PDB file of all heavy atoms in Angstrom:
ATOM      1  N   LEU A   1      12.856  -9.200 -14.498  1.00  0.00           N
ATOM      2  CA  LEU A   1      12.123  -8.555 -13.393  1.00  0.00           C
ATOM      3  C   LEU A   1      10.622  -8.711 -13.606  1.00  0.00           C
ATOM      4  O   LEU A   1      10.159  -8.332 -14.694  1.00  0.00           O
ATOM      5  CB  LEU A   1      12.490  -7.132 -13.226  1.00  0.00           C
ATOM      6  CG  LEU A   1      11.739  -6.311 -12.134  1.00  0.00           C
ATOM      7  CD1 LEU A   1      12.206  -6.890 -10.744  1.00  0.00           C
ATOM      8  CD2 LEU A   1      12.031  -4.864 -12.328  1.00  0.00           C
ATOM      9  N   LYS A   2       9.903  -9.236 -12.626  1.00  0.00           N
ATOM     10  CA  LYS A   2       8.382  -9.240 -12.683  1.00  0.00           C
ATOM     11  C   LYS A   2       7.880  -8.247 -11.741  1.00  0.00           C
ATOM     12  O   LYS A   2       8.422  -8.216 -10.609  1.00  0.00           O
ATOM     13  CB  LYS A   2       7.910 -10.666 -12.461  1.00  0.00           C
ATOM     14  CG  LYS A   2       8.278 -11.644 -13.573  1.00  0.00           C
ATOM     15  CD  LYS A   2       7.663 -13.026 -13.344  1.00  0.00           C
ATOM     16  CE  LYS A   2       8.013 -13.874 -14.516  1.00  0.00           C
ATOM     17  NZ  LYS A   2       7.272 -15.169 -14.327  1.00  0.00           N
ATOM     18  N   MET A   3       6.761  -7.600 -12.142  1.00  0.00           N
ATOM     19  CA  MET A   3       6.119  -6.623 -11.263  1.00  0.00           C
ATOM     20  C   MET A   3       4.753  -6.934 -11.044  1.00  0.00           C
ATOM     21  O   MET A   3       3.995  -7.208 -12.057  1.00  0.00           O
ATOM     22  CB  MET A   3       6.347  -5.220 -11.839  1.00  0.00           C
ATOM     23  CG  MET A   3       5.888  -4.228 -10.842  1.00  0.00           C
ATOM     24  SD  MET A   3       5.838  -2.547 -11.589  1.00  0.00           S
ATOM     25  CE  MET A   3       4.208  -2.544 -12.285  1.00  0.00           C
ATOM     26  N   ASP A   4       4.237  -6.862  -9.829  1.00  0.00           N
ATOM     27  CA  ASP A   4       2.833  -7.048  -9.511  1.00  0.00           C
ATOM     28  C   ASP A   4       2.313  -5.594  -9.184  1.00  0.00           C
ATOM     29  O   ASP A   4       2.719  -5.045  -8.232  1.00  0.00           O
ATOM     30  CB  ASP A   4       2.631  -7.946  -8.352  1.00  0.00           C
ATOM     31  CG  ASP A   4       1.145  -8.213  -8.057  1.00  0.00           C
ATOM     32  OD1 ASP A   4       0.338  -7.362  -8.423  1.00  0.00           O
ATOM     33  OD2 ASP A   4       0.862  -9.339  -7.579  1.00  0.00           O
ATOM     34  N   GLY A   5       1.566  -5.041 -10.125  1.00  0.00           N
ATOM     35  CA  GLY A   5       1.018  -3.667  -9.970  1.00  0.00           C
ATOM     36  C   GLY A   5       0.325  -3.438  -8.717  1.00  0.00           C
ATOM     37  O   GLY A   5       0.337  -2.364  -8.136  1.00  0.00           O
ATOM     38  N   VAL A   6      -0.477  -4.406  -8.260  1.00  0.00           N
ATOM     39  CA  VAL A   6      -1.249  -4.276  -7.062  1.00  0.00           C
ATOM     40  C   VAL A   6      -0.353  -4.195  -5.871  1.00  0.00           C
ATOM     41  O   VAL A   6      -0.532  -3.281  -5.017  1.00  0.00           O
ATOM     42  CB  VAL A   6      -2.180  -5.500  -6.839  1.00  0.00           C
ATOM     43  CG1 VAL A   6      -2.906  -5.491  -5.503  1.00  0.00           C
ATOM     44  CG2 VAL A   6      -3.237  -5.633  -8.027  1.00  0.00           C
ATOM     45  N   VAL A   7       0.700  -4.958  -5.784  1.00  0.00           N
ATOM     46  CA  VAL A   7       1.681  -4.855  -4.663  1.00  0.00           C
ATOM     47  C   VAL A   7       2.298  -3.567  -4.687  1.00  0.00           C
ATOM     48  O   VAL A   7       2.542  -2.884  -3.654  1.00  0.00           O
ATOM     49  CB  VAL A   7       2.757  -6.069  -4.761  1.00  0.00           C
ATOM     50  CG1 VAL A   7       3.834  -5.860  -3.693  1.00  0.00           C
ATOM     51  CG2 VAL A   7       1.987  -7.338  -4.545  1.00  0.00           C
ATOM     52  N   VAL A   8       2.804  -3.072  -5.827  1.00  0.00           N
ATOM     53  CA  VAL A   8       3.452  -1.793  -5.919  1.00  0.00           C
ATOM     54  C   VAL A   8       2.546  -0.667  -5.560  1.00  0.00           C
ATOM     55  O   VAL A   8       2.923   0.297  -4.837  1.00  0.00           O
ATOM     56  CB  VAL A   8       4.076  -1.574  -7.392  1.00  0.00           C
ATOM     57  CG1 VAL A   8       4.681  -0.166  -7.546  1.00  0.00           C
ATOM     58  CG2 VAL A   8       5.099  -2.589  -7.740  1.00  0.00           C
ATOM     59  N   ALA A   9       1.326  -0.736  -5.982  1.00  0.00           N
ATOM     60  CA  ALA A   9       0.302   0.260  -5.525  1.00  0.00           C
ATOM     61  C   ALA A   9       0.144   0.333  -4.050  1.00  0.00           C
ATOM     62  O   ALA A   9      -0.018   1.322  -3.429  1.00  0.00           O
ATOM     63  CB  ALA A   9      -1.030   0.026  -6.265  1.00  0.00           C
ATOM     64  N   ARG A  10       0.110  -0.865  -3.431  1.00  0.00           N
ATOM     65  CA  ARG A  10       0.013  -0.966  -1.980  1.00  0.00           C
ATOM     66  C   ARG A  10       1.252  -0.362  -1.281  1.00  0.00           C
ATOM     67  O   ARG A  10       1.110   0.341  -0.240  1.00  0.00           O
ATOM     68  CB  ARG A  10      -0.094  -2.390  -1.513  1.00  0.00           C
ATOM     69  CG  ARG A  10      -1.457  -2.930  -1.761  1.00  0.00           C
ATOM     70  CD  ARG A  10      -1.653  -4.227  -1.146  1.00  0.00           C
ATOM     71  NE  ARG A  10      -2.863  -4.946  -1.661  1.00  0.00           N
ATOM     72  CZ  ARG A  10      -2.980  -6.141  -1.995  1.00  0.00           C
ATOM     73  NH1 ARG A  10      -1.973  -6.910  -1.870  1.00  0.00           N
ATOM     74  NH2 ARG A  10      -4.081  -6.649  -2.512  1.00  0.00           N
ATOM     75  N   TYR A  11       2.437  -0.581  -1.865  1.00  0.00           N
ATOM     76  CA  TYR A  11       3.584   0.150  -1.362  1.00  0.00           C
ATOM     77  C   TYR A  11       3.479   1.678  -1.383  1.00  0.00           C
ATOM     78  O   TYR A  11       3.808   2.346  -0.500  1.00  0.00           O
ATOM     79  CB  TYR A  11       4.953  -0.232  -2.123  1.00  0.00           C
ATOM     80  CG  TYR A  11       5.457  -1.586  -1.786  1.00  0.00           C
ATOM     81  CD1 TYR A  11       5.850  -2.464  -2.775  1.00  0.00           C
ATOM     82  CD2 TYR A  11       5.541  -2.031  -0.404  1.00  0.00           C
ATOM     83  CE1 TYR A  11       6.353  -3.746  -2.454  1.00  0.00           C
ATOM     84  CE2 TYR A  11       6.010  -3.264  -0.134  1.00  0.00           C
ATOM     85  CZ  TYR A  11       6.421  -4.096  -1.120  1.00  0.00           C
ATOM     86  OH  TYR A  11       6.917  -5.423  -0.871  1.00  0.00           O
ATOM     87  N   ALA A  12       2.957   2.210  -2.490  1.00  0.00           N
ATOM     88  CA  ALA A  12       2.733   3.623  -2.590  1.00  0.00           C
ATOM     89  C   ALA A  12       1.734   4.071  -1.567  1.00  0.00           C
ATOM     90  O   ALA A  12       1.968   5.183  -0.908  1.00  0.00           O
ATOM     91  CB  ALA A  12       2.097   3.935  -3.991  1.00  0.00           C
ATOM     92  N   GLU A  13       0.683   3.320  -1.293  1.00  0.00           N
ATOM     93  CA  GLU A  13      -0.217   3.713  -0.222  1.00  0.00           C
ATOM     94  C   GLU A  13       0.459   3.701   1.193  1.00  0.00           C
ATOM     95  O   GLU A  13       0.140   4.677   1.915  1.00  0.00           O
ATOM     96  CB  GLU A  13      -1.450   2.805  -0.242  1.00  0.00           C
ATOM     97  CG  GLU A  13      -2.350   2.939  -1.410  1.00  0.00           C
ATOM     98  CD  GLU A  13      -3.400   1.879  -1.534  1.00  0.00           C
ATOM     99  OE1 GLU A  13      -3.506   1.011  -0.615  1.00  0.00           O
ATOM    100  OE2 GLU A  13      -4.158   1.792  -2.554  1.00  0.00           O
ATOM    101  N   THR A  14       1.245   2.749   1.329  1.00  0.00           N
ATOM    102  CA  THR A  14       1.999   2.632   2.618  1.00  0.00           C
ATOM    103  C   THR A  14       2.913   3.807   2.845  1.00  0.00           C
ATOM    104  O   THR A  14       2.927   4.439   3.947  1.00  0.00           O
ATOM    105  CB  THR A  14       2.810   1.279   2.758  1.00  0.00           C
ATOM    106  OG1 THR A  14       1.811   0.245   2.616  1.00  0.00           O
ATOM    107  CG2 THR A  14       3.552   1.194   4.028  1.00  0.00           C
ATOM    108  N   ALA A  15       3.595   4.207   1.789  1.00  0.00           N
ATOM    109  CA  ALA A  15       4.524   5.385   1.864  1.00  0.00           C
ATOM    110  C   ALA A  15       3.748   6.602   2.146  1.00  0.00           C
ATOM    111  O   ALA A  15       4.180   7.438   2.951  1.00  0.00           O
ATOM    112  CB  ALA A  15       5.332   5.472   0.466  1.00  0.00           C
ATOM    113  N   GLU A  16       2.539   6.697   1.494  1.00  0.00           N
ATOM    114  CA  GLU A  16       1.783   7.933   1.663  1.00  0.00           C
ATOM    115  C   GLU A  16       1.265   8.111   3.128  1.00  0.00           C
ATOM    116  O   GLU A  16       1.256   9.113   3.724  1.00  0.00           O
ATOM    117  CB  GLU A  16       0.540   7.974   0.761  1.00  0.00           C
ATOM    118  CG  GLU A  16      -0.169   9.217   0.708  1.00  0.00           C
ATOM    119  CD  GLU A  16       0.618  10.427  -0.009  1.00  0.00           C
ATOM    120  OE1 GLU A  16       1.228  10.167  -0.944  1.00  0.00           O
ATOM    121  OE2 GLU A  16       0.442  11.517   0.477  1.00  0.00           O
ATOM    122  N   ALA A  17       0.855   6.909   3.705  1.00  0.00           N
ATOM    123  CA  ALA A  17       0.378   6.836   5.051  1.00  0.00           C
ATOM    124  C   ALA A  17       1.517   7.167   6.058  1.00  0.00           C
ATOM    125  O   ALA A  17       1.331   7.972   6.998  1.00  0.00           O
ATOM    126  CB  ALA A  17      -0.213   5.524   5.390  1.00  0.00           C
ATOM    127  N   ALA A  18       2.698   6.684   5.761  1.00  0.00           N
ATOM    128  CA  ALA A  18       3.907   6.967   6.612  1.00  0.00           C
ATOM    129  C   ALA A  18       4.189   8.480   6.564  1.00  0.00           C
ATOM    130  O   ALA A  18       4.577   9.038   7.573  1.00  0.00           O
ATOM    131  CB  ALA A  18       5.062   6.103   6.155  1.00  0.00           C
ATOM    132  N   ALA A  19       4.024   9.089   5.350  1.00  0.00           N
ATOM    133  CA  ALA A  19       4.327  10.520   5.201  1.00  0.00           C
ATOM    134  C   ALA A  19       3.341  11.290   6.047  1.00  0.00           C
ATOM    135  O   ALA A  19       3.717  12.263   6.743  1.00  0.00           O
ATOM    136  CB  ALA A  19       4.182  10.936   3.759  1.00  0.00           C
ATOM    137  N   ASP A  20       2.090  10.897   6.113  1.00  0.00           N
ATOM    138  CA  ASP A  20       1.083  11.485   6.940  1.00  0.00           C
ATOM    139  C   ASP A  20       1.443  11.425   8.476  1.00  0.00           C
ATOM    140  O   ASP A  20       1.263  12.392   9.194  1.00  0.00           O
ATOM    141  CB  ASP A  20      -0.336  10.908   6.714  1.00  0.00           C
ATOM    142  CG  ASP A  20      -0.831  11.293   5.346  1.00  0.00           C
ATOM    143  OD1 ASP A  20      -0.358  12.187   4.713  1.00  0.00           O
ATOM    144  OD2 ASP A  20      -1.845  10.553   4.892  1.00  0.00           O
ATOM    145  N   GLU A  21       1.971  10.262   8.864  1.00  0.00           N
ATOM    146  CA  GLU A  21       2.354  10.048  10.219  1.00  0.00           C
ATOM    147  C   GLU A  21       3.550  10.979  10.535  1.00  0.00           C
ATOM    148  O   GLU A  21       3.594  11.528  11.591  1.00  0.00           O
ATOM    149  CB  GLU A  21       2.727   8.633  10.500  1.00  0.00           C
ATOM    150  CG  GLU A  21       1.545   7.665  10.476  1.00  0.00           C
ATOM    151  CD  GLU A  21       1.856   6.249  10.730  1.00  0.00           C
ATOM    152  OE1 GLU A  21       2.850   5.931  11.315  1.00  0.00           O
ATOM    153  OE2 GLU A  21       1.094   5.376  10.355  1.00  0.00           O
ATOM    154  N   LEU A  22       4.542  11.157   9.672  1.00  0.00           N
ATOM    155  CA  LEU A  22       5.598  11.981   9.932  1.00  0.00           C
ATOM    156  C   LEU A  22       5.171  13.520   9.998  1.00  0.00           C
ATOM    157  O   LEU A  22       5.623  14.190  10.799  1.00  0.00           O
ATOM    158  CB  LEU A  22       6.688  11.857   8.774  1.00  0.00           C
ATOM    159  CG  LEU A  22       7.484  10.611   8.828  1.00  0.00           C
ATOM    160  CD1 LEU A  22       8.491  10.563   7.669  1.00  0.00           C
ATOM    161  CD2 LEU A  22       8.167  10.363  10.118  1.00  0.00           C
ATOM    162  N   ASP A  23       4.206  13.849   9.186  1.00  0.00           N
ATOM    163  CA  ASP A  23       3.653  15.145   9.240  1.00  0.00           C
ATOM    164  C   ASP A  23       2.988  15.417  10.631  1.00  0.00           C
ATOM    165  O   ASP A  23       3.138  16.500  11.235  1.00  0.00           O
ATOM    166  CB  ASP A  23       2.599  15.407   8.128  1.00  0.00           C
ATOM    167  CG  ASP A  23       3.209  15.752   6.765  1.00  0.00           C
ATOM    168  OD1 ASP A  23       4.438  16.248   6.761  1.00  0.00           O
ATOM    169  OD2 ASP A  23       2.599  15.539   5.805  1.00  0.00           O
ATOM    170  N   THR A  24       2.278  14.466  11.095  1.00  0.00           N
ATOM    171  CA  THR A  24       1.676  14.597  12.460  1.00  0.00           C
ATOM    172  C   THR A  24       2.674  14.656  13.483  1.00  0.00           C
ATOM    173  O   THR A  24       2.569  15.588  14.386  1.00  0.00           O
ATOM    174  CB  THR A  24       0.712  13.350  12.701  1.00  0.00           C
ATOM    175  OG1 THR A  24      -0.282  13.277  11.669  1.00  0.00           O
ATOM    176  CG2 THR A  24       0.069  13.405  14.088  1.00  0.00           C
ATOM    177  N   ALA A  25       3.700  13.870  13.431  1.00  0.00           N
ATOM    178  CA  ALA A  25       4.787  13.989  14.471  1.00  0.00           C
ATOM    179  C   ALA A  25       5.485  15.309  14.398  1.00  0.00           C
ATOM    180  O   ALA A  25       5.822  15.904  15.410  1.00  0.00           O
ATOM    181  CB  ALA A  25       5.858  12.806  14.162  1.00  0.00           C
ATOM    182  N   ALA A  26       5.735  15.822  13.113  1.00  0.00           N
ATOM    183  CA  ALA A  26       6.392  17.119  13.007  1.00  0.00           C
ATOM    184  C   ALA A  26       5.541  18.288  13.620  1.00  0.00           C
ATOM    185  O   ALA A  26       6.136  19.152  14.269  1.00  0.00           O
ATOM    186  CB  ALA A  26       6.658  17.488  11.477  1.00  0.00           C
ATOM    187  N   ALA A  27       4.221  18.167  13.577  1.00  0.00           N
ATOM    188  CA  ALA A  27       3.386  19.157  14.090  1.00  0.00           C
ATOM    189  C   ALA A  27       3.456  19.142  15.661  1.00  0.00           C
ATOM    190  O   ALA A  27       3.154  20.174  16.332  1.00  0.00           O
ATOM    191  CB  ALA A  27       1.906  18.981  13.631  1.00  0.00           C
ATOM    192  N   GLU A  28       3.726  17.917  16.204  1.00  0.00           N
ATOM    193  CA  GLU A  28       3.779  17.863  17.699  1.00  0.00           C
ATOM    194  C   GLU A  28       5.128  18.090  18.294  1.00  0.00           C
ATOM    195  O   GLU A  28       5.207  18.213  19.530  1.00  0.00           O
ATOM    196  CB  GLU A  28       3.329  16.392  18.061  1.00  0.00           C
ATOM    197  CG  GLU A  28       1.839  16.175  17.610  1.00  0.00           C
ATOM    198  CD  GLU A  28       1.459  14.686  17.841  1.00  0.00           C
ATOM    199  OE1 GLU A  28       2.306  13.844  18.278  1.00  0.00           O
ATOM    200  OE2 GLU A  28       0.298  14.319  17.512  1.00  0.00           O
ATOM    201  N   VAL A  29       6.130  18.177  17.497  1.00  0.00           N
ATOM    202  CA  VAL A  29       7.485  18.441  18.032  1.00  0.00           C
ATOM    203  C   VAL A  29       7.576  19.851  18.610  1.00  0.00           C
ATOM    204  O   VAL A  29       7.214  20.773  17.857  1.00  0.00           O
ATOM    205  CB  VAL A  29       8.522  18.143  16.963  1.00  0.00           C
ATOM    206  CG1 VAL A  29       9.944  18.587  17.400  1.00  0.00           C
ATOM    207  CG2 VAL A  29       8.617  16.661  16.660  1.00  0.00           C
ATOM    208  N   GLY A  30       8.304  19.987  19.718  1.00  0.00           N
ATOM    209  CA  GLY A  30       8.522  21.318  20.250  1.00  0.00           C
ATOM    210  C   GLY A  30       7.305  22.041  20.713  1.00  0.00           C
ATOM    211  O   GLY A  30       7.111  23.184  20.385  1.00  0.00           O
ATOM    212  N   GLY A  31       6.535  21.309  21.496  1.00  0.00           N
ATOM    213  CA  GLY A  31       5.310  21.857  22.044  1.00  0.00           C
ATOM    214  C   GLY A  31       5.405  23.206  22.604  1.00  0.00           C
ATOM    215  O   GLY A  31       6.460  23.527  23.261  1.00  0.00           O
ATOM    216  N   GLY A  32       4.513  23.999  22.404  1.00  0.00           N
ATOM    217  CA  GLY A  32       4.459  25.412  22.928  1.00  0.00           C
ATOM    218  C   GLY A  32       4.462  25.456  24.467  1.00  0.00           C
ATOM    219  O   GLY A  32       4.627  26.575  25.100  1.00  0.00           O
TER     220      GLY A  32
END
């Protein structure tokens, strides 16, 4: 197995950004 640390770090950033988007969506669900 070969690993490119830069690519893996980008995956981490992508996952973090997706988590932020899910948090935003959660805040908007079930509007008052």
